[in-house]
PDB file of all heavy atoms in Angstrom:
ATOM      1  N   TRP A   1    -139.334 186.538 106.091  1.00  0.00           N
ATOM      2  CA  TRP A   1    -138.939 186.871 104.715  1.00  0.00           C
ATOM      3  C   TRP A   1    -139.141 188.367 104.384  1.00  0.00           C
ATOM      4  O   TRP A   1    -138.653 188.842 103.362  1.00  0.00           O
ATOM      5  CB  TRP A   1    -139.727 186.038 103.696  1.00  0.00           C
ATOM      6  CG  TRP A   1    -141.211 186.258 103.739  1.00  0.00           C
ATOM      7  CD1 TRP A   1    -142.128 185.658 104.532  1.00  0.00           C
ATOM      8  CD2 TRP A   1    -141.960 187.252 103.029  1.00  0.00           C
ATOM      9  NE1 TRP A   1    -143.387 186.147 104.337  1.00  0.00           N
ATOM     10  CE2 TRP A   1    -143.305 187.153 103.379  1.00  0.00           C
ATOM     11  CE3 TRP A   1    -141.590 188.207 102.039  1.00  0.00           C
ATOM     12  CZ2 TRP A   1    -144.312 187.968 102.812  1.00  0.00           C
ATOM     13  CZ3 TRP A   1    -142.550 188.985 101.488  1.00  0.00           C
ATOM     14  CH2 TRP A   1    -143.898 188.870 101.905  1.00  0.00           C
ATOM     15  N   LEU A   2    -139.897 189.004 105.276  1.00  0.00           N
ATOM     16  CA  LEU A   2    -140.085 190.461 105.047  1.00  0.00           C
ATOM     17  C   LEU A   2    -138.757 191.254 104.968  1.00  0.00           C
ATOM     18  O   LEU A   2    -138.693 192.320 104.329  1.00  0.00           O
ATOM     19  CB  LEU A   2    -140.959 191.062 106.142  1.00  0.00           C
ATOM     20  CG  LEU A   2    -142.409 190.543 106.217  1.00  0.00           C
ATOM     21  CD1 LEU A   2    -143.133 191.189 107.379  1.00  0.00           C
ATOM     22  CD2 LEU A   2    -143.144 190.887 104.903  1.00  0.00           C
ATOM     23  N   VAL A   3    -137.717 190.687 105.636  1.00  0.00           N
ATOM     24  CA  VAL A   3    -136.445 191.395 105.586  1.00  0.00           C
ATOM     25  C   VAL A   3    -135.899 191.449 104.158  1.00  0.00           C
ATOM     26  O   VAL A   3    -135.061 192.308 103.835  1.00  0.00           O
ATOM     27  CB  VAL A   3    -135.425 190.769 106.579  1.00  0.00           C
ATOM     28  CG1 VAL A   3    -135.871 190.816 107.971  1.00  0.00           C
ATOM     29  CG2 VAL A   3    -135.091 189.297 106.118  1.00  0.00           C
ATOM     30  N   LEU A   4    -136.303 190.504 103.316  1.00  0.00           N
ATOM     31  CA  LEU A   4    -135.837 190.485 101.904  1.00  0.00           C
ATOM     32  C   LEU A   4    -136.354 191.683 101.145  1.00  0.00           C
ATOM     33  O   LEU A   4    -135.751 192.111 100.135  1.00  0.00           O
ATOM     34  CB  LEU A   4    -136.202 189.181 101.276  1.00  0.00           C
ATOM     35  CG  LEU A   4    -135.669 187.895 101.909  1.00  0.00           C
ATOM     36  CD1 LEU A   4    -136.143 186.647 101.188  1.00  0.00           C
ATOM     37  CD2 LEU A   4    -134.176 187.930 101.980  1.00  0.00           C
ATOM     38  N   LEU A   5    -137.518 192.217 101.553  1.00  0.00           N
ATOM     39  CA  LEU A   5    -138.044 193.374 100.897  1.00  0.00           C
ATOM     40  C   LEU A   5    -137.220 194.616 101.125  1.00  0.00           C
ATOM     41  O   LEU A   5    -137.364 195.599 100.376  1.00  0.00           O
ATOM     42  CB  LEU A   5    -139.506 193.642 101.393  1.00  0.00           C
ATOM     43  CG  LEU A   5    -140.544 192.615 101.003  1.00  0.00           C
ATOM     44  CD1 LEU A   5    -141.898 192.964 101.597  1.00  0.00           C
ATOM     45  CD2 LEU A   5    -140.611 192.445  99.499  1.00  0.00           C
ATOM     46  N   THR A   6    -136.335 194.581 102.121  1.00  0.00           N
ATOM     47  CA  THR A   6    -135.472 195.707 102.378  1.00  0.00           C
ATOM     48  C   THR A   6    -134.378 195.851 101.352  1.00  0.00           C
ATOM     49  O   THR A   6    -133.700 196.895 101.219  1.00  0.00           O
ATOM     50  CB  THR A   6    -134.865 195.662 103.750  1.00  0.00           C
ATOM     51  OG1 THR A   6    -133.957 194.560 103.852  1.00  0.00           O
ATOM     52  CG2 THR A   6    -135.937 195.556 104.844  1.00  0.00           C
ATOM     53  N   ILE A   7    -134.136 194.724 100.576  1.00  0.00           N
ATOM     54  CA  ILE A   7    -133.008 194.834  99.550  1.00  0.00           C
ATOM     55  C   ILE A   7    -133.277 195.851  98.490  1.00  0.00           C
ATOM     56  O   ILE A   7    -132.409 196.734  98.283  1.00  0.00           O
ATOM     57  CB  ILE A   7    -132.848 193.376  98.931  1.00  0.00           C
ATOM     58  CG1 ILE A   7    -132.375 192.442  99.989  1.00  0.00           C
ATOM     59  CG2 ILE A   7    -131.780 193.457  97.832  1.00  0.00           C
ATOM     60  CD1 ILE A   7    -132.323 190.975  99.525  1.00  0.00           C
ATOM     61  N   PRO A   8    -134.435 195.860  97.796  1.00  0.00           N
ATOM     62  CA  PRO A   8    -134.696 196.963  96.783  1.00  0.00           C
ATOM     63  C   PRO A   8    -134.734 198.315  97.482  1.00  0.00           C
ATOM     64  O   PRO A   8    -134.367 199.346  96.861  1.00  0.00           O
ATOM     65  CB  PRO A   8    -135.945 196.536  96.112  1.00  0.00           C
ATOM     66  CG  PRO A   8    -136.656 195.591  97.049  1.00  0.00           C
ATOM     67  CD  PRO A   8    -135.545 194.876  97.792  1.00  0.00           C
ATOM     68  N   LEU A   9    -135.236 198.321  98.696  1.00  0.00           N
ATOM     69  CA  LEU A   9    -135.338 199.637  99.421  1.00  0.00           C
ATOM     70  C   LEU A   9    -133.968 200.184  99.672  1.00  0.00           C
ATOM     71  O   LEU A   9    -133.681 201.405  99.520  1.00  0.00           O
ATOM     72  CB  LEU A   9    -136.118 199.463 100.729  1.00  0.00           C
ATOM     73  CG  LEU A   9    -137.538 199.061 100.638  1.00  0.00           C
ATOM     74  CD1 LEU A   9    -138.176 198.903 102.060  1.00  0.00           C
ATOM     75  CD2 LEU A   9    -138.341 200.071  99.863  1.00  0.00           C
ATOM     76  N   PHE A  10    -133.020 199.325 100.088  1.00  0.00           N
ATOM     77  CA  PHE A  10    -131.700 199.733 100.382  1.00  0.00           C
ATOM     78  C   PHE A  10    -130.969 200.304  99.172  1.00  0.00           C
ATOM     79  O   PHE A  10    -130.448 201.442  99.184  1.00  0.00           O
ATOM     80  CB  PHE A  10    -130.868 198.581 100.916  1.00  0.00           C
ATOM     81  CG  PHE A  10    -129.437 198.858 101.140  1.00  0.00           C
ATOM     82  CD1 PHE A  10    -128.999 199.625 102.229  1.00  0.00           C
ATOM     83  CD2 PHE A  10    -128.453 198.383 100.225  1.00  0.00           C
ATOM     84  CE1 PHE A  10    -127.652 199.911 102.408  1.00  0.00           C
ATOM     85  CE2 PHE A  10    -127.082 198.686 100.439  1.00  0.00           C
ATOM     86  CZ  PHE A  10    -126.701 199.421 101.505  1.00  0.00           C
ATOM     87  N   TYR A  11    -130.968 199.567  98.050  1.00  0.00           N
ATOM     88  CA  TYR A  11    -130.270 199.992  96.884  1.00  0.00           C
ATOM     89  C   TYR A  11    -130.918 201.262  96.150  1.00  0.00           C
ATOM     90  O   TYR A  11    -130.207 202.204  95.822  1.00  0.00           O
ATOM     91  CB  TYR A  11    -130.207 198.834  95.841  1.00  0.00           C
ATOM     92  CG  TYR A  11    -129.208 197.801  96.216  1.00  0.00           C
ATOM     93  CD1 TYR A  11    -129.614 196.541  96.586  1.00  0.00           C
ATOM     94  CD2 TYR A  11    -127.802 198.074  96.228  1.00  0.00           C
ATOM     95  CE1 TYR A  11    -128.715 195.545  96.976  1.00  0.00           C
ATOM     96  CE2 TYR A  11    -126.929 197.104  96.629  1.00  0.00           C
ATOM     97  CZ  TYR A  11    -127.371 195.839  97.015  1.00  0.00           C
ATOM     98  OH  TYR A  11    -126.443 194.885  97.358  1.00  0.00           O
ATOM     99  N   THR A  12    -132.204 201.232  96.059  1.00  0.00           N
ATOM    100  CA  THR A  12    -132.868 202.412  95.452  1.00  0.00           C
ATOM    101  C   THR A  12    -132.765 203.615  96.326  1.00  0.00           C
ATOM    102  O   THR A  12    -132.727 204.738  95.822  1.00  0.00           O
ATOM    103  CB  THR A  12    -134.293 202.149  95.071  1.00  0.00           C
ATOM    104  OG1 THR A  12    -135.045 201.744  96.272  1.00  0.00           O
ATOM    105  CG2 THR A  12    -134.443 201.009  94.083  1.00  0.00           C
ATOM    106  N   GLY A  13    -132.747 203.417  97.669  1.00  0.00           N
ATOM    107  CA  GLY A  13    -132.621 204.494  98.560  1.00  0.00           C
ATOM    108  C   GLY A  13    -131.257 205.202  98.474  1.00  0.00           C
ATOM    109  O   GLY A  13    -131.141 206.395  98.450  1.00  0.00           O
ATOM    110  N   VAL A  14    -130.185 204.337  98.377  1.00  0.00           N
ATOM    111  CA  VAL A  14    -128.837 204.909  98.289  1.00  0.00           C
ATOM    112  C   VAL A  14    -128.666 205.687  96.966  1.00  0.00           C
ATOM    113  O   VAL A  14    -128.151 206.774  96.912  1.00  0.00           O
ATOM    114  CB  VAL A  14    -127.793 203.785  98.370  1.00  0.00           C
ATOM    115  CG1 VAL A  14    -126.404 204.289  98.015  1.00  0.00           C
ATOM    116  CG2 VAL A  14    -127.797 203.141  99.740  1.00  0.00           C
ATOM    117  N   ILE A  15    -129.114 205.073  95.828  1.00  0.00           N
ATOM    118  CA  ILE A  15    -128.963 205.715  94.538  1.00  0.00           C
ATOM    119  C   ILE A  15    -129.801 207.006  94.453  1.00  0.00           C
ATOM    120  O   ILE A  15    -129.354 208.005  93.905  1.00  0.00           O
ATOM    121  CB  ILE A  15    -129.381 204.704  93.406  1.00  0.00           C
ATOM    122  CG1 ILE A  15    -128.386 203.551  93.398  1.00  0.00           C
ATOM    123  CG2 ILE A  15    -129.354 205.404  92.070  1.00  0.00           C
ATOM    124  CD1 ILE A  15    -128.808 202.404  92.450  1.00  0.00           C
ATOM    125  N   ALA A  16    -131.039 206.931  94.986  1.00  0.00           N
ATOM    126  CA  ALA A  16    -131.895 208.145  94.997  1.00  0.00           C
ATOM    127  C   ALA A  16    -131.311 209.265  95.776  1.00  0.00           C
ATOM    128  O   ALA A  16    -131.349 210.459  95.371  1.00  0.00           O
ATOM    129  CB  ALA A  16    -133.271 207.789  95.557  1.00  0.00           C
ATOM    130  N   PHE A  17    -130.652 208.952  96.887  1.00  0.00           N
ATOM    131  CA  PHE A  17    -129.978 209.950  97.696  1.00  0.00           C
ATOM    132  C   PHE A  17    -128.787 210.562  96.979  1.00  0.00           C
ATOM    133  O   PHE A  17    -128.546 211.772  97.010  1.00  0.00           O
ATOM    134  CB  PHE A  17    -129.549 209.319  99.063  1.00  0.00           C
ATOM    135  CG  PHE A  17    -128.795 210.312  99.922  1.00  0.00           C
ATOM    136  CD1 PHE A  17    -129.460 211.264 100.651  1.00  0.00           C
ATOM    137  CD2 PHE A  17    -127.410 210.245 100.003  1.00  0.00           C
ATOM    138  CE1 PHE A  17    -128.797 212.169 101.431  1.00  0.00           C
ATOM    139  CE2 PHE A  17    -126.721 211.161 100.823  1.00  0.00           C
ATOM    140  CZ  PHE A  17    -127.448 212.115 101.598  1.00  0.00           C
ATOM    141  N   GLU A  18    -127.936 209.688  96.338  1.00  0.00           N
ATOM    142  CA  GLU A  18    -126.750 210.175  95.652  1.00  0.00           C
ATOM    143  C   GLU A  18    -127.135 211.088  94.444  1.00  0.00           C
ATOM    144  O   GLU A  18    -126.513 212.123  94.257  1.00  0.00           O
ATOM    145  CB  GLU A  18    -125.958 208.972  95.120  1.00  0.00           C
ATOM    146  CG  GLU A  18    -125.272 208.219  96.223  1.00  0.00           C
ATOM    147  CD  GLU A  18    -124.530 206.962  95.720  1.00  0.00           C
ATOM    148  OE1 GLU A  18    -124.765 206.623  94.533  1.00  0.00           O
ATOM    149  OE2 GLU A  18    -123.784 206.354  96.479  1.00  0.00           O
ATOM    150  N   LYS A  19    -128.174 210.638  93.700  1.00  0.00           N
ATOM    151  CA  LYS A  19    -128.568 211.467  92.498  1.00  0.00           C
ATOM    152  C   LYS A  19    -129.584 212.542  92.819  1.00  0.00           C
ATOM    153  O   LYS A  19    -129.946 213.295  91.925  1.00  0.00           O
ATOM    154  CB  LYS A  19    -129.144 210.504  91.431  1.00  0.00           C
ATOM    155  CG  LYS A  19    -128.085 209.527  90.903  1.00  0.00           C
ATOM    156  CD  LYS A  19    -128.618 208.726  89.719  1.00  0.00           C
ATOM    157  CE  LYS A  19    -127.568 207.855  89.113  1.00  0.00           C
ATOM    158  NZ  LYS A  19    -128.117 207.122  87.879  1.00  0.00           N
ATOM    159  N   LYS A  20    -130.054 212.565  94.103  1.00  0.00           N
ATOM    160  CA  LYS A  20    -131.037 213.542  94.519  1.00  0.00           C
ATOM    161  C   LYS A  20    -132.312 213.453  93.647  1.00  0.00           C
ATOM    162  O   LYS A  20    -132.855 214.441  93.231  1.00  0.00           O
ATOM    163  CB  LYS A  20    -130.442 214.968  94.496  1.00  0.00           C
ATOM    164  CG  LYS A  20    -129.265 215.140  95.438  1.00  0.00           C
ATOM    165  CD  LYS A  20    -128.757 216.538  95.406  1.00  0.00           C
ATOM    166  CE  LYS A  20    -127.565 216.670  96.378  1.00  0.00           C
ATOM    167  NZ  LYS A  20    -127.016 218.019  96.310  1.00  0.00           N
ATOM    168  N   LYS A  21    -132.698 212.206  93.393  1.00  0.00           N
ATOM    169  CA  LYS A  21    -133.916 211.941  92.614  1.00  0.00           C
ATOM    170  C   LYS A  21    -134.820 211.016  93.412  1.00  0.00           C
ATOM    171  O   LYS A  21    -134.680 209.772  93.276  1.00  0.00           O
ATOM    172  CB  LYS A  21    -133.589 211.355  91.243  1.00  0.00           C
ATOM    173  CG  LYS A  21    -132.875 212.287  90.349  1.00  0.00           C
ATOM    174  CD  LYS A  21    -132.579 211.677  88.977  1.00  0.00           C
ATOM    175  CE  LYS A  21    -131.873 212.677  88.048  1.00  0.00           C
ATOM    176  NZ  LYS A  21    -131.618 212.050  86.729  1.00  0.00           N
ATOM    177  N   PRO A  22    -135.714 211.497  94.239  1.00  0.00           N
ATOM    178  CA  PRO A  22    -136.585 210.633  95.038  1.00  0.00           C
ATOM    179  C   PRO A  22    -137.380 209.627  94.251  1.00  0.00           C
ATOM    180  O   PRO A  22    -137.807 208.592  94.768  1.00  0.00           O
ATOM    181  CB  PRO A  22    -137.473 211.641  95.805  1.00  0.00           C
ATOM    182  CG  PRO A  22    -136.722 212.931  95.733  1.00  0.00           C
ATOM    183  CD  PRO A  22    -135.973 212.919  94.474  1.00  0.00           C
ATOM    184  N   VAL A  23    -137.688 209.983  92.976  1.00  0.00           N
ATOM    185  CA  VAL A  23    -138.556 209.115  92.169  1.00  0.00           C
ATOM    186  C   VAL A  23    -137.910 207.697  91.979  1.00  0.00           C
ATOM    187  O   VAL A  23    -138.598 206.778  91.667  1.00  0.00           O
ATOM    188  CB  VAL A  23    -138.847 209.788  90.844  1.00  0.00           C
ATOM    189  CG1 VAL A  23    -137.666 209.792  89.909  1.00  0.00           C
ATOM    190  CG2 VAL A  23    -140.069 209.111  90.153  1.00  0.00           C
ATOM    191  N   ILE A  24    -136.590 207.639  92.113  1.00  0.00           N
ATOM    192  CA  ILE A  24    -135.909 206.373  91.926  1.00  0.00           C
ATOM    193  C   ILE A  24    -136.210 205.414  93.070  1.00  0.00           C
ATOM    194  O   ILE A  24    -136.234 204.189  92.884  1.00  0.00           O
ATOM    195  CB  ILE A  24    -134.367 206.600  91.874  1.00  0.00           C
ATOM    196  CG1 ILE A  24    -134.008 207.457  90.612  1.00  0.00           C
ATOM    197  CG2 ILE A  24    -133.589 205.306  91.831  1.00  0.00           C
ATOM    198  CD1 ILE A  24    -132.558 207.828  90.530  1.00  0.00           C
ATOM    199  N   PHE A  25    -136.481 205.921  94.240  1.00  0.00           N
ATOM    200  CA  PHE A  25    -136.756 205.066  95.381  1.00  0.00           C
ATOM    201  C   PHE A  25    -137.986 204.210  95.210  1.00  0.00           C
ATOM    202  O   PHE A  25    -139.032 204.663  94.714  1.00  0.00           O
ATOM    203  CB  PHE A  25    -136.949 205.960  96.643  1.00  0.00           C
ATOM    204  CG  PHE A  25    -137.205 205.219  97.934  1.00  0.00           C
ATOM    205  CD1 PHE A  25    -136.249 204.355  98.408  1.00  0.00           C
ATOM    206  CD2 PHE A  25    -138.392 205.364  98.626  1.00  0.00           C
ATOM    207  CE1 PHE A  25    -136.455 203.637  99.591  1.00  0.00           C
ATOM    208  CE2 PHE A  25    -138.615 204.649  99.776  1.00  0.00           C
ATOM    209  CZ  PHE A  25    -137.648 203.821 100.288  1.00  0.00           C
ATOM    210  N   CYS A  26    -137.896 202.920  95.625  1.00  0.00           N
ATOM    211  CA  CYS A  26    -139.045 201.982  95.520  1.00  0.00           C
ATOM    212  C   CYS A  26    -140.051 202.212  96.596  1.00  0.00           C
ATOM    213  O   CYS A  26    -140.170 201.401  97.538  1.00  0.00           O
ATOM    214  CB  CYS A  26    -138.507 200.525  95.559  1.00  0.00           C
ATOM    215  SG  CYS A  26    -137.783 199.934  94.034  1.00  0.00           S
ATOM    216  N   TYR A  27    -140.799 203.311  96.464  1.00  0.00           N
ATOM    217  CA  TYR A  27    -141.754 203.647  97.483  1.00  0.00           C
ATOM    218  C   TYR A  27    -142.882 202.563  97.624  1.00  0.00           C
ATOM    219  O   TYR A  27    -143.294 202.280  98.700  1.00  0.00           O
ATOM    220  CB  TYR A  27    -142.361 205.009  97.237  1.00  0.00           C
ATOM    221  CG  TYR A  27    -143.311 205.464  98.258  1.00  0.00           C
ATOM    222  CD1 TYR A  27    -142.824 205.948  99.554  1.00  0.00           C
ATOM    223  CD2 TYR A  27    -144.681 205.446  98.040  1.00  0.00           C
ATOM    224  CE1 TYR A  27    -143.757 206.316 100.500  1.00  0.00           C
ATOM    225  CE2 TYR A  27    -145.554 205.858  99.024  1.00  0.00           C
ATOM    226  CZ  TYR A  27    -145.075 206.325 100.228  1.00  0.00           C
ATOM    227  OH  TYR A  27    -145.987 206.723 101.217  1.00  0.00           O
ATOM    228  N   PRO A  28    -143.383 202.009  96.539  1.00  0.00           N
ATOM    229  CA  PRO A  28    -144.444 200.995  96.656  1.00  0.00           C
ATOM    230  C   PRO A  28    -143.977 199.766  97.470  1.00  0.00           C
ATOM    231  O   PRO A  28    -144.765 199.177  98.209  1.00  0.00           O
ATOM    232  CB  PRO A  28    -144.707 200.551  95.206  1.00  0.00           C
ATOM    233  CG  PRO A  28    -144.360 201.775  94.382  1.00  0.00           C
ATOM    234  CD  PRO A  28    -143.130 202.338  95.100  1.00  0.00           C
ATOM    235  N   VAL A  29    -142.699 199.392  97.365  1.00  0.00           N
ATOM    236  CA  VAL A  29    -142.189 198.294  98.179  1.00  0.00           C
ATOM    237  C   VAL A  29    -142.199 198.659  99.650  1.00  0.00           C
ATOM    238  O   VAL A  29    -142.521 197.817 100.518  1.00  0.00           O
ATOM    239  CB  VAL A  29    -140.758 197.890  97.697  1.00  0.00           C
ATOM    240  CG1 VAL A  29    -140.178 196.779  98.602  1.00  0.00           C
ATOM    241  CG2 VAL A  29    -140.750 197.505  96.290  1.00  0.00           C
ATOM    242  N   LEU A  30    -141.802 199.891  99.987  1.00  0.00           N
ATOM    243  CA  LEU A  30    -141.832 200.354 101.348  1.00  0.00           C
ATOM    244  C   LEU A  30    -143.285 200.294 101.914  1.00  0.00           C
ATOM    245  O   LEU A  30    -143.488 199.785 103.036  1.00  0.00           O
ATOM    246  CB  LEU A  30    -141.274 201.798 101.427  1.00  0.00           C
ATOM    247  CG  LEU A  30    -141.377 202.453 102.855  1.00  0.00           C
ATOM    248  CD1 LEU A  30    -140.550 201.659 103.850  1.00  0.00           C
ATOM    249  CD2 LEU A  30    -140.965 203.897 102.776  1.00  0.00           C
ATOM    250  N   VAL A  31    -144.235 200.740 101.152  1.00  0.00           N
ATOM    251  CA  VAL A  31    -145.619 200.708 101.582  1.00  0.00           C
ATOM    252  C   VAL A  31    -146.072 199.254 101.818  1.00  0.00           C
ATOM    253  O   VAL A  31    -146.753 198.923 102.800  1.00  0.00           O
ATOM    254  CB  VAL A  31    -146.545 201.391 100.522  1.00  0.00           C
ATOM    255  CG1 VAL A  31    -148.006 201.163 100.871  1.00  0.00           C
ATOM    256  CG2 VAL A  31    -146.243 202.900 100.456  1.00  0.00           C
ATOM    257  N   THR A  32    -145.706 198.353 100.912  1.00  0.00           N
ATOM    258  CA  THR A  32    -146.098 196.961 101.056  1.00  0.00           C
ATOM    259  C   THR A  32    -145.472 196.352 102.275  1.00  0.00           C
ATOM    260  O   THR A  32    -146.123 195.614 103.071  1.00  0.00           O
ATOM    261  CB  THR A  32    -145.647 196.165  99.825  1.00  0.00           C
ATOM    262  OG1 THR A  32    -146.163 196.746  98.644  1.00  0.00           O
ATOM    263  CG2 THR A  32    -146.027 194.676  99.908  1.00  0.00           C
ATOM    264  N   LEU A  33    -144.197 196.685 102.554  1.00  0.00           N
ATOM    265  CA  LEU A  33    -143.503 196.212 103.783  1.00  0.00           C
ATOM    266  C   LEU A  33    -144.208 196.677 105.036  1.00  0.00           C
ATOM    267  O   LEU A  33    -144.472 195.843 105.965  1.00  0.00           O
ATOM    268  CB  LEU A  33    -142.052 196.652 103.746  1.00  0.00           C
ATOM    269  CG  LEU A  33    -141.228 196.299 104.989  1.00  0.00           C
ATOM    270  CD1 LEU A  33    -141.141 194.759 105.136  1.00  0.00           C
ATOM    271  CD2 LEU A  33    -139.825 196.876 104.859  1.00  0.00           C
ATOM    272  N   ILE A  34    -144.541 197.932 105.077  1.00  0.00           N
ATOM    273  CA  ILE A  34    -145.242 198.472 106.287  1.00  0.00           C
ATOM    274  C   ILE A  34    -146.625 197.787 106.489  1.00  0.00           C
ATOM    275  O   ILE A  34    -146.977 197.421 107.567  1.00  0.00           O
ATOM    276  CB  ILE A  34    -145.410 200.001 106.178  1.00  0.00           C
ATOM    277  CG1 ILE A  34    -144.012 200.675 106.161  1.00  0.00           C
ATOM    278  CG2 ILE A  34    -146.257 200.536 107.284  1.00  0.00           C
ATOM    279  CD1 ILE A  34    -144.093 202.178 105.877  1.00  0.00           C
ATOM    280  N   TYR A  35    -147.321 197.591 105.379  1.00  0.00           N
ATOM    281  CA  TYR A  35    -148.674 196.992 105.452  1.00  0.00           C
ATOM    282  C   TYR A  35    -148.532 195.574 105.922  1.00  0.00           C
ATOM    283  O   TYR A  35    -149.319 195.131 106.797  1.00  0.00           O
ATOM    284  CB  TYR A  35    -149.285 197.024 104.032  1.00  0.00           C
ATOM    285  CG  TYR A  35    -150.642 196.295 103.960  1.00  0.00           C
ATOM    286  CD1 TYR A  35    -151.707 196.825 104.667  1.00  0.00           C
ATOM    287  CD2 TYR A  35    -150.731 195.144 103.271  1.00  0.00           C
ATOM    288  CE1 TYR A  35    -152.948 196.202 104.624  1.00  0.00           C
ATOM    289  CE2 TYR A  35    -151.977 194.484 103.180  1.00  0.00           C
ATOM    290  CZ  TYR A  35    -153.088 195.027 103.849  1.00  0.00           C
ATOM    291  OH  TYR A  35    -154.310 194.385 103.806  1.00  0.00           O
ATOM    292  N   LEU A  36    -147.607 194.793 105.426  1.00  0.00           N
ATOM    293  CA  LEU A  36    -147.454 193.400 105.841  1.00  0.00           C
ATOM    294  C   LEU A  36    -147.043 193.312 107.309  1.00  0.00           C
ATOM    295  O   LEU A  36    -147.519 192.406 108.049  1.00  0.00           O
ATOM    296  CB  LEU A  36    -146.467 192.695 104.931  1.00  0.00           C
ATOM    297  CG  LEU A  36    -146.934 192.497 103.482  1.00  0.00           C
ATOM    298  CD1 LEU A  36    -145.790 191.897 102.653  1.00  0.00           C
ATOM    299  CD2 LEU A  36    -148.165 191.572 103.431  1.00  0.00           C
ATOM    300  N   MET A  37    -146.144 194.163 107.729  1.00  0.00           N
ATOM    301  CA  MET A  37    -145.692 194.161 109.164  1.00  0.00           C
ATOM    302  C   MET A  37    -146.852 194.489 110.062  1.00  0.00           C
ATOM    303  O   MET A  37    -147.001 193.819 111.136  1.00  0.00           O
ATOM    304  CB  MET A  37    -144.550 195.150 109.342  1.00  0.00           C
ATOM    305  CG  MET A  37    -143.233 194.730 108.663  1.00  0.00           C
ATOM    306  SD  MET A  37    -141.927 195.966 108.879  1.00  0.00           S
ATOM    307  CE  MET A  37    -141.700 195.886 110.660  1.00  0.00           C
ATOM    308  N   CYS A  38    -147.655 195.478 109.698  1.00  0.00           N
ATOM    309  CA  CYS A  38    -148.813 195.861 110.561  1.00  0.00           C
ATOM    310  C   CYS A  38    -149.807 194.685 110.539  1.00  0.00           C
ATOM    311  O   CYS A  38    -150.478 194.448 111.562  1.00  0.00           O
ATOM    312  CB  CYS A  38    -149.500 197.132 110.027  1.00  0.00           C
ATOM    313  SG  CYS A  38    -148.497 198.613 110.218  1.00  0.00           S
ATOM    314  N   GLY A  39    -149.962 193.987 109.435  1.00  0.00           N
ATOM    315  CA  GLY A  39    -150.918 192.885 109.386  1.00  0.00           C
ATOM    316  C   GLY A  39    -150.429 191.654 110.154  1.00  0.00           C
ATOM    317  O   GLY A  39    -151.203 191.064 110.954  1.00  0.00           O
ATOM    318  N   PHE A  40    -149.186 191.258 109.928  1.00  0.00           N
ATOM    319  CA  PHE A  40    -148.655 190.054 110.616  1.00  0.00           C
ATOM    320  C   PHE A  40    -148.523 190.238 112.116  1.00  0.00           C
ATOM    321  O   PHE A  40    -148.805 189.344 112.937  1.00  0.00           O
ATOM    322  CB  PHE A  40    -147.304 189.723 110.022  1.00  0.00           C
ATOM    323  CG  PHE A  40    -147.378 189.014 108.719  1.00  0.00           C
ATOM    324  CD1 PHE A  40    -146.556 189.373 107.634  1.00  0.00           C
ATOM    325  CD2 PHE A  40    -148.357 188.024 108.449  1.00  0.00           C
ATOM    326  CE1 PHE A  40    -146.633 188.788 106.428  1.00  0.00           C
ATOM    327  CE2 PHE A  40    -148.421 187.361 107.240  1.00  0.00           C
ATOM    328  CZ  PHE A  40    -147.605 187.759 106.212  1.00  0.00           C
ATOM    329  N   PHE A  41    -148.011 191.423 112.521  1.00  0.00           N
ATOM    330  CA  PHE A  41    -147.677 191.606 113.944  1.00  0.00           C
ATOM    331  C   PHE A  41    -148.717 192.340 114.775  1.00  0.00           C
ATOM    332  O   PHE A  41    -148.728 192.216 115.978  1.00  0.00           O
ATOM    333  CB  PHE A  41    -146.336 192.343 114.065  1.00  0.00           C
ATOM    334  CG  PHE A  41    -145.201 191.678 113.381  1.00  0.00           C
ATOM    335  CD1 PHE A  41    -144.577 192.212 112.272  1.00  0.00           C
ATOM    336  CD2 PHE A  41    -144.763 190.431 113.842  1.00  0.00           C
ATOM    337  CE1 PHE A  41    -143.520 191.566 111.635  1.00  0.00           C
ATOM    338  CE2 PHE A  41    -143.702 189.790 113.207  1.00  0.00           C
ATOM    339  CZ  PHE A  41    -143.096 190.353 112.100  1.00  0.00           C
ATOM    340  N   ALA A  42    -149.649 193.053 114.141  1.00  0.00           N
ATOM    341  CA  ALA A  42    -150.640 193.795 114.892  1.00  0.00           C
ATOM    342  C   ALA A  42    -152.062 193.459 114.365  1.00  0.00           C
ATOM    343  O   ALA A  42    -153.042 194.043 114.869  1.00  0.00           O
ATOM    344  CB  ALA A  42    -150.378 195.302 114.844  1.00  0.00           C
TER     345      ALA A  42
END
């Protein structure tokens, strides 16, 4: 189900790149995804 966390990352990443506003990007979701992957798999 971790792949579902990439949905907000995908959309906010595209919009942040187009508008050149990094603050739009869901950075907390990215951090959560990395943390869970490191916990589950390592």
